[in-house]
Amino acid sequence: MSAAAAERPATTYLVDTADQTSGDQTSADQTARRSGPSVLRIVPAPRTDPASSGPDWGERERPPAPESFVQGTLAVDFQDSEHDAFFGPQLTRSRELPEPQLWGRRMVQAILEVQDGTRGADQLGRWVIPDIKERARRRGALARRRGRRTHRPPIIRTMLCSEPADGVCELSLVVWADGRIRALAVRISGVDGRWLVTAWEMG
């Protein structure tokens, strides 16, 4: 019985010491919680570097702002001189030109004679466009190489005249050329104060 009684106070002392230690630790934790910060916040440092001239990594490049004008450049027109509205060929109104039907008949007769080889292509001069003049010259040279003609000279049999626009006249003709009757369509346009043959199609 004396041994058992001697062990009890020791057990009670150990339990009391543990409780006191646990209590001291709890009080220290509570004190630390009250004195320390409740939430830890991360704040970015302020940017002190100057702004870059270009986009940073991960940023999209912004399109440049539209400019109202470009300084130091000169506008140049690369169109051909024939399309120049001021120095190029100028359209002429019908009232400022000769009577189209009479002029057209005479000019068609002259071109037919050039194709037949009886008139020089240079006589067409400034009254037809270069392409029509060259075509008539080639046909005239071929006709002269053939030698003596076996058919009648070209003749205009009928002609109709229409004006689809001011300064433009279209001629529809039936002619005798190259020893047979042929259809002919011609367009004349008022350019620089004169009629100019701009289209010639023979069927």
C-alpha atoms as a PDB file:
ATOM      1  CA  MET A   1       0.000   0.000   0.000  1.00  0.00           C
ATOM      2  CA  SER A   2       2.875   2.422   0.751  1.00  0.00           C
ATOM      3  CA  ALA A   3       4.385   1.900  -2.732  1.00  0.00           C
ATOM      4  CA  ALA A   4       1.068   2.632  -4.456  1.00  0.00           C
ATOM      5  CA  ALA A   5       0.552   5.731  -2.418  1.00  0.00           C
ATOM      6  CA  ALA A   6       4.028   6.962  -3.298  1.00  0.00           C
ATOM      7  CA  GLU A   7       3.369   6.678  -7.063  1.00  0.00           C
ATOM      8  CA  ARG A   8       0.124   8.729  -7.154  1.00  0.00           C
ATOM      9  CA  PRO A   9       1.615  12.193  -6.445  1.00  0.00           C
ATOM     10  CA  ALA A  10       4.195  11.647  -9.193  1.00  0.00           C
ATOM     11  CA  THR A  11       1.491  10.830 -11.722  1.00  0.00           C
ATOM     12  CA  THR A  12      -0.542  13.835 -10.693  1.00  0.00           C
ATOM     13  CA  TYR A  13       2.529  16.093 -11.043  1.00  0.00           C
ATOM     14  CA  LEU A  14       3.226  14.924 -14.569  1.00  0.00           C
ATOM     15  CA  VAL A  15      -0.339  15.525 -15.699  1.00  0.00           C
ATOM     16  CA  ASP A  16      -0.392  19.003 -14.216  1.00  0.00           C
ATOM     17  CA  THR A  17       2.904  19.865 -15.909  1.00  0.00           C
ATOM     18  CA  ALA A  18       1.603  18.783 -19.319  1.00  0.00           C
ATOM     19  CA  ASP A  19      -1.583  20.783 -18.892  1.00  0.00           C
ATOM     20  CA  GLN A  20       0.368  23.881 -17.930  1.00  0.00           C
ATOM     21  CA  THR A  21       2.715  23.503 -20.908  1.00  0.00           C
ATOM     22  CA  SER A  22      -0.238  23.106 -23.288  1.00  0.00           C
ATOM     23  CA  GLY A  23      -1.887  26.164 -21.824  1.00  0.00           C
ATOM     24  CA  ASP A  24       1.242  28.272 -22.182  1.00  0.00           C
ATOM     25  CA  GLN A  25       1.591  27.240 -25.862  1.00  0.00           C
ATOM     26  CA  THR A  26      -2.050  28.135 -26.587  1.00  0.00           C
ATOM     27  CA  SER A  27      -1.638  31.546 -25.022  1.00  0.00           C
ATOM     28  CA  ALA A  28       1.502  32.205 -27.070  1.00  0.00           C
ATOM     29  CA  ASP A  29      -0.290  31.254 -30.318  1.00  0.00           C
ATOM     30  CA  GLN A  30      -3.207  33.553 -29.527  1.00  0.00           C
ATOM     31  CA  THR A  31      -0.846  36.414 -28.717  1.00  0.00           C
ATOM     32  CA  ALA A  32       1.054  35.869 -31.980  1.00  0.00           C
ATOM     33  CA  ARG A  33      -2.162  35.845 -33.985  1.00  0.00           C
ATOM     34  CA  ARG A  34      -3.324  39.104 -32.449  1.00  0.00           C
ATOM     35  CA  SER A  35      -0.017  40.867 -32.968  1.00  0.00           C
ATOM     36  CA  GLY A  36       0.809  39.534 -36.542  1.00  0.00           C
ATOM     37  CA  PRO A  37      -0.868  40.515 -39.891  1.00  0.00           C
ATOM     38  CA  SER A  38      -4.085  38.704 -40.659  1.00  0.00           C
ATOM     39  CA  VAL A  39      -3.608  38.613 -44.521  1.00  0.00           C
ATOM     40  CA  LEU A  40      -0.412  38.708 -46.557  1.00  0.00           C
ATOM     41  CA  ARG A  41      -0.887  40.824 -49.719  1.00  0.00           C
ATOM     42  CA  ILE A  42       1.439  40.889 -52.710  1.00  0.00           C
ATOM     43  CA  VAL A  43       1.605  44.342 -54.322  1.00  0.00           C
ATOM     44  CA  PRO A  44       3.416  44.825 -57.695  1.00  0.00           C
ATOM     45  CA  ALA A  45       6.316  47.192 -57.640  1.00  0.00           C
ATOM     46  CA  PRO A  46       5.738  50.495 -59.494  1.00  0.00           C
ATOM     47  CA  ARG A  47       7.224  50.789 -62.994  1.00  0.00           C
ATOM     48  CA  THR A  48       9.943  53.375 -63.156  1.00  0.00           C
ATOM     49  CA  ASP A  49      11.300  52.516 -66.621  1.00  0.00           C
ATOM     50  CA  PRO A  50      10.403  54.844 -69.541  1.00  0.00           C
ATOM     51  CA  ALA A  51       7.739  53.638 -71.994  1.00  0.00           C
ATOM     52  CA  SER A  52       9.131  51.566 -74.868  1.00  0.00           C
ATOM     53  CA  SER A  53       8.778  52.722 -78.457  1.00  0.00           C
ATOM     54  CA  GLY A  54       7.504  49.320 -79.599  1.00  0.00           C
ATOM     55  CA  PRO A  55       5.134  46.684 -78.252  1.00  0.00           C
ATOM     56  CA  ASP A  56       6.163  44.635 -75.228  1.00  0.00           C
ATOM     57  CA  TRP A  57       6.163  40.865 -75.092  1.00  0.00           C
ATOM     58  CA  GLY A  58       2.629  39.514 -75.258  1.00  0.00           C
ATOM     59  CA  GLU A  59       1.132  42.805 -76.494  1.00  0.00           C
ATOM     60  CA  ARG A  60      -0.416  43.174 -79.929  1.00  0.00           C
ATOM     61  CA  GLU A  61       1.013  45.784 -82.195  1.00  0.00           C
ATOM     62  CA  ARG A  62      -1.438  48.577 -82.858  1.00  0.00           C
ATOM     63  CA  PRO A  63      -1.940  49.662 -86.467  1.00  0.00           C
ATOM     64  CA  PRO A  64      -0.577  53.101 -87.272  1.00  0.00           C
ATOM     65  CA  ALA A  65      -3.026  55.951 -87.323  1.00  0.00           C
ATOM     66  CA  PRO A  66      -4.131  56.969 -90.842  1.00  0.00           C
ATOM     67  CA  GLU A  67      -2.328  59.972 -92.233  1.00  0.00           C
ATOM     68  CA  SER A  68      -4.238  62.699 -93.991  1.00  0.00           C
ATOM     69  CA  PHE A  69      -1.283  63.514 -96.237  1.00  0.00           C
ATOM     70  CA  VAL A  70       2.273  62.428 -96.950  1.00  0.00           C
ATOM     71  CA  GLN A  71       4.838  65.152 -96.776  1.00  0.00           C
ATOM     72  CA  GLY A  72       7.732  65.196 -99.169  1.00  0.00           C
ATOM     73  CA  THR A  73       6.118  63.214-102.029  1.00  0.00           C
ATOM     74  CA  LEU A  74       4.940  64.325-105.446  1.00  0.00           C
ATOM     75  CA  ALA A  75       1.883  62.826-107.129  1.00  0.00           C
ATOM     76  CA  VAL A  76       2.844  61.448-110.546  1.00  0.00           C
ATOM     77  CA  ASP A  77       0.361  60.430-113.243  1.00  0.00           C
ATOM     78  CA  PHE A  78       1.610  57.382-115.166  1.00  0.00           C
ATOM     79  CA  GLN A  79      -1.229  57.377-117.705  1.00  0.00           C
ATOM     80  CA  ASP A  80      -0.448  57.711-121.350  1.00  0.00           C
ATOM     81  CA  SER A  81      -0.569  61.168-122.895  1.00  0.00           C
ATOM     82  CA  GLU A  82      -3.572  60.083-124.988  1.00  0.00           C
ATOM     83  CA  HIS A  83      -5.608  59.947-121.784  1.00  0.00           C
ATOM     84  CA  ASP A  84      -4.547  63.408-120.623  1.00  0.00           C
ATOM     85  CA  ALA A  85      -7.660  65.470-120.018  1.00  0.00           C
ATOM     86  CA  PHE A  86      -5.835  68.744-120.725  1.00  0.00           C
ATOM     87  CA  PHE A  87      -2.952  68.158-123.151  1.00  0.00           C
ATOM     88  CA  GLY A  88      -4.306  65.004-124.832  1.00  0.00           C
ATOM     89  CA  PRO A  89      -6.881  64.755-127.645  1.00  0.00           C
ATOM     90  CA  GLN A  90      -9.979  66.810-126.935  1.00  0.00           C
ATOM     91  CA  LEU A  91     -13.488  65.698-127.877  1.00  0.00           C
ATOM     92  CA  THR A  92     -15.411  67.996-130.197  1.00  0.00           C
ATOM     93  CA  ARG A  93     -19.184  68.459-130.342  1.00  0.00           C
ATOM     94  CA  SER A  94     -21.114  67.678-133.513  1.00  0.00           C
ATOM     95  CA  ARG A  95     -22.232  71.288-134.049  1.00  0.00           C
ATOM     96  CA  GLU A  96     -18.564  72.309-134.356  1.00  0.00           C
ATOM     97  CA  LEU A  97     -17.822  69.709-137.063  1.00  0.00           C
ATOM     98  CA  PRO A  98     -18.699  69.336-140.760  1.00  0.00           C
ATOM     99  CA  GLU A  99     -21.848  67.515-141.803  1.00  0.00           C
ATOM    100  CA  PRO A 100     -21.030  63.860-140.893  1.00  0.00           C
ATOM    101  CA  GLN A 101     -22.821  62.102-143.747  1.00  0.00           C
ATOM    102  CA  LEU A 102     -21.102  64.029-146.545  1.00  0.00           C
ATOM    103  CA  TRP A 103     -17.693  63.915-144.835  1.00  0.00           C
ATOM    104  CA  GLY A 104     -18.073  60.221-144.031  1.00  0.00           C
ATOM    105  CA  ARG A 105     -18.935  59.282-147.633  1.00  0.00           C
ATOM    106  CA  ARG A 106     -15.853  61.045-148.976  1.00  0.00           C
ATOM    107  CA  MET A 107     -13.540  59.531-146.367  1.00  0.00           C
ATOM    108  CA  VAL A 108     -14.880  55.990-146.843  1.00  0.00           C
ATOM    109  CA  GLN A 109     -14.359  56.324-150.596  1.00  0.00           C
ATOM    110  CA  ALA A 110     -10.776  57.448-150.010  1.00  0.00           C
ATOM    111  CA  ILE A 111      -9.989  54.533-147.691  1.00  0.00           C
ATOM    112  CA  LEU A 112     -11.484  52.043-150.145  1.00  0.00           C
ATOM    113  CA  GLU A 113      -9.254  53.441-152.892  1.00  0.00           C
ATOM    114  CA  VAL A 114      -6.203  53.084-150.638  1.00  0.00           C
ATOM    115  CA  GLN A 115      -7.100  49.432-150.060  1.00  0.00           C
ATOM    116  CA  ASP A 116      -7.557  48.991-153.797  1.00  0.00           C
ATOM    117  CA  GLY A 117      -4.048  50.317-154.458  1.00  0.00           C
ATOM    118  CA  THR A 118      -5.109  53.378-156.458  1.00  0.00           C
ATOM    119  CA  ARG A 119      -4.446  55.968-153.731  1.00  0.00           C
ATOM    120  CA  GLY A 120      -1.502  56.431-151.378  1.00  0.00           C
ATOM    121  CA  ALA A 121      -2.007  55.758-147.669  1.00  0.00           C
ATOM    122  CA  ASP A 122      -0.274  59.032-146.784  1.00  0.00           C
ATOM    123  CA  GLN A 123      -3.263  60.932-148.141  1.00  0.00           C
ATOM    124  CA  LEU A 124      -5.319  59.659-145.230  1.00  0.00           C
ATOM    125  CA  GLY A 125      -3.015  61.685-142.980  1.00  0.00           C
ATOM    126  CA  ARG A 126      -4.653  62.867-139.784  1.00  0.00           C
ATOM    127  CA  TRP A 127      -8.159  61.693-140.651  1.00  0.00           C
ATOM    128  CA  VAL A 128      -7.862  58.083-139.460  1.00  0.00           C
ATOM    129  CA  ILE A 129      -6.231  56.386-136.483  1.00  0.00           C
ATOM    130  CA  PRO A 130      -2.823  54.733-137.150  1.00  0.00           C
ATOM    131  CA  ASP A 131      -4.184  51.165-136.995  1.00  0.00           C
ATOM    132  CA  ILE A 132      -6.744  51.745-139.756  1.00  0.00           C
ATOM    133  CA  LYS A 133      -4.190  53.572-141.871  1.00  0.00           C
ATOM    134  CA  GLU A 134      -1.690  50.716-141.554  1.00  0.00           C
ATOM    135  CA  ARG A 135      -4.294  48.091-142.446  1.00  0.00           C
ATOM    136  CA  ALA A 136      -5.337  50.044-145.529  1.00  0.00           C
ATOM    137  CA  ARG A 137      -1.689  50.512-146.556  1.00  0.00           C
ATOM    138  CA  ARG A 138      -0.970  46.756-146.348  1.00  0.00           C
ATOM    139  CA  ARG A 139      -4.020  45.856-148.423  1.00  0.00           C
ATOM    140  CA  GLY A 140      -3.105  48.501-150.997  1.00  0.00           C
ATOM    141  CA  ALA A 141       0.447  47.152-151.276  1.00  0.00           C
ATOM    142  CA  LEU A 142      -0.913  43.635-151.781  1.00  0.00           C
ATOM    143  CA  ALA A 143      -3.315  44.852-154.476  1.00  0.00           C
ATOM    144  CA  ARG A 144      -0.497  46.580-156.352  1.00  0.00           C
ATOM    145  CA  ARG A 145       1.604  43.427-156.287  1.00  0.00           C
ATOM    146  CA  ARG A 146      -1.211  41.549-157.949  1.00  0.00           C
ATOM    147  CA  GLY A 147      -0.815  43.746-160.994  1.00  0.00           C
ATOM    148  CA  ARG A 148      -3.651  44.656-163.314  1.00  0.00           C
ATOM    149  CA  ARG A 149      -7.100  44.777-161.729  1.00  0.00           C
ATOM    150  CA  THR A 150      -9.829  42.627-163.205  1.00  0.00           C
ATOM    151  CA  HIS A 151     -12.716  44.276-161.316  1.00  0.00           C
ATOM    152  CA  ARG A 152     -14.316  47.681-161.101  1.00  0.00           C
ATOM    153  CA  PRO A 153     -13.026  50.335-158.660  1.00  0.00           C
ATOM    154  CA  PRO A 154     -14.745  50.458-155.259  1.00  0.00           C
ATOM    155  CA  ILE A 155     -18.144  52.137-155.141  1.00  0.00           C
ATOM    156  CA  ILE A 156     -20.428  53.080-152.250  1.00  0.00           C
ATOM    157  CA  ARG A 157     -23.920  51.825-152.999  1.00  0.00           C
ATOM    158  CA  THR A 158     -25.868  52.713-149.859  1.00  0.00           C
ATOM    159  CA  MET A 159     -25.072  54.409-146.554  1.00  0.00           C
ATOM    160  CA  LEU A 160     -26.981  54.985-143.329  1.00  0.00           C
ATOM    161  CA  CYS A 161     -25.858  57.475-140.688  1.00  0.00           C
ATOM    162  CA  SER A 162     -26.718  57.529-136.970  1.00  0.00           C
ATOM    163  CA  GLU A 163     -25.413  59.608-134.064  1.00  0.00           C
ATOM    164  CA  PRO A 164     -25.499  57.602-130.804  1.00  0.00           C
ATOM    165  CA  ALA A 165     -23.816  60.438-128.885  1.00  0.00           C
ATOM    166  CA  ASP A 166     -22.761  64.026-129.336  1.00  0.00           C
ATOM    167  CA  GLY A 167     -19.581  64.082-131.394  1.00  0.00           C
ATOM    168  CA  VAL A 168     -19.923  60.436-132.483  1.00  0.00           C
ATOM    169  CA  CYS A 169     -21.358  59.163-135.775  1.00  0.00           C
ATOM    170  CA  GLU A 170     -21.747  55.572-136.965  1.00  0.00           C
ATOM    171  CA  LEU A 171     -22.008  54.680-140.652  1.00  0.00           C
ATOM    172  CA  SER A 172     -23.482  51.477-142.071  1.00  0.00           C
ATOM    173  CA  LEU A 173     -22.619  50.962-145.720  1.00  0.00           C
ATOM    174  CA  VAL A 174     -22.969  48.524-148.578  1.00  0.00           C
ATOM    175  CA  VAL A 175     -20.003  48.841-150.927  1.00  0.00           C
ATOM    176  CA  TRP A 176     -18.615  47.219-154.051  1.00  0.00           C
ATOM    177  CA  ALA A 177     -15.011  46.291-153.296  1.00  0.00           C
ATOM    178  CA  ASP A 178     -12.618  43.522-154.345  1.00  0.00           C
ATOM    179  CA  GLY A 179     -14.994  42.487-157.113  1.00  0.00           C
ATOM    180  CA  ARG A 180     -17.974  41.778-154.829  1.00  0.00           C
ATOM    181  CA  ILE A 181     -20.557  43.453-152.631  1.00  0.00           C
ATOM    182  CA  ARG A 182     -19.501  43.814-149.015  1.00  0.00           C
ATOM    183  CA  ALA A 183     -20.904  45.249-145.787  1.00  0.00           C
ATOM    184  CA  LEU A 184     -18.970  47.949-143.965  1.00  0.00           C
ATOM    185  CA  ALA A 185     -19.340  49.528-140.507  1.00  0.00           C
ATOM    186  CA  VAL A 186     -17.484  52.748-139.715  1.00  0.00           C
ATOM    187  CA  ARG A 187     -17.358  54.994-136.675  1.00  0.00           C
ATOM    188  CA  ILE A 188     -16.161  58.584-136.800  1.00  0.00           C
ATOM    189  CA  SER A 189     -15.557  60.705-133.707  1.00  0.00           C
ATOM    190  CA  GLY A 190     -15.003  64.404-133.232  1.00  0.00           C
ATOM    191  CA  VAL A 191     -11.442  64.958-131.992  1.00  0.00           C
ATOM    192  CA  ASP A 192      -9.535  68.255-131.884  1.00  0.00           C
ATOM    193  CA  GLY A 193     -12.006  70.066-134.147  1.00  0.00           C
ATOM    194  CA  ARG A 194     -12.194  67.401-136.887  1.00  0.00           C
ATOM    195  CA  TRP A 195     -13.805  64.070-137.668  1.00  0.00           C
ATOM    196  CA  LEU A 196     -11.545  61.070-137.047  1.00  0.00           C
ATOM    197  CA  VAL A 197     -12.195  57.525-138.285  1.00  0.00           C
ATOM    198  CA  THR A 198     -11.816  55.389-135.122  1.00  0.00           C
ATOM    199  CA  ALA A 199     -13.404  52.070-136.217  1.00  0.00           C
ATOM    200  CA  TRP A 200     -13.450  50.206-139.558  1.00  0.00           C
ATOM    201  CA  GLU A 201     -14.956  46.736-139.925  1.00  0.00           C
ATOM    202  CA  MET A 202     -15.597  45.189-143.324  1.00  0.00           C
ATOM    203  CA  GLY A 203     -17.563  41.974-143.757  1.00  0.00           C
END
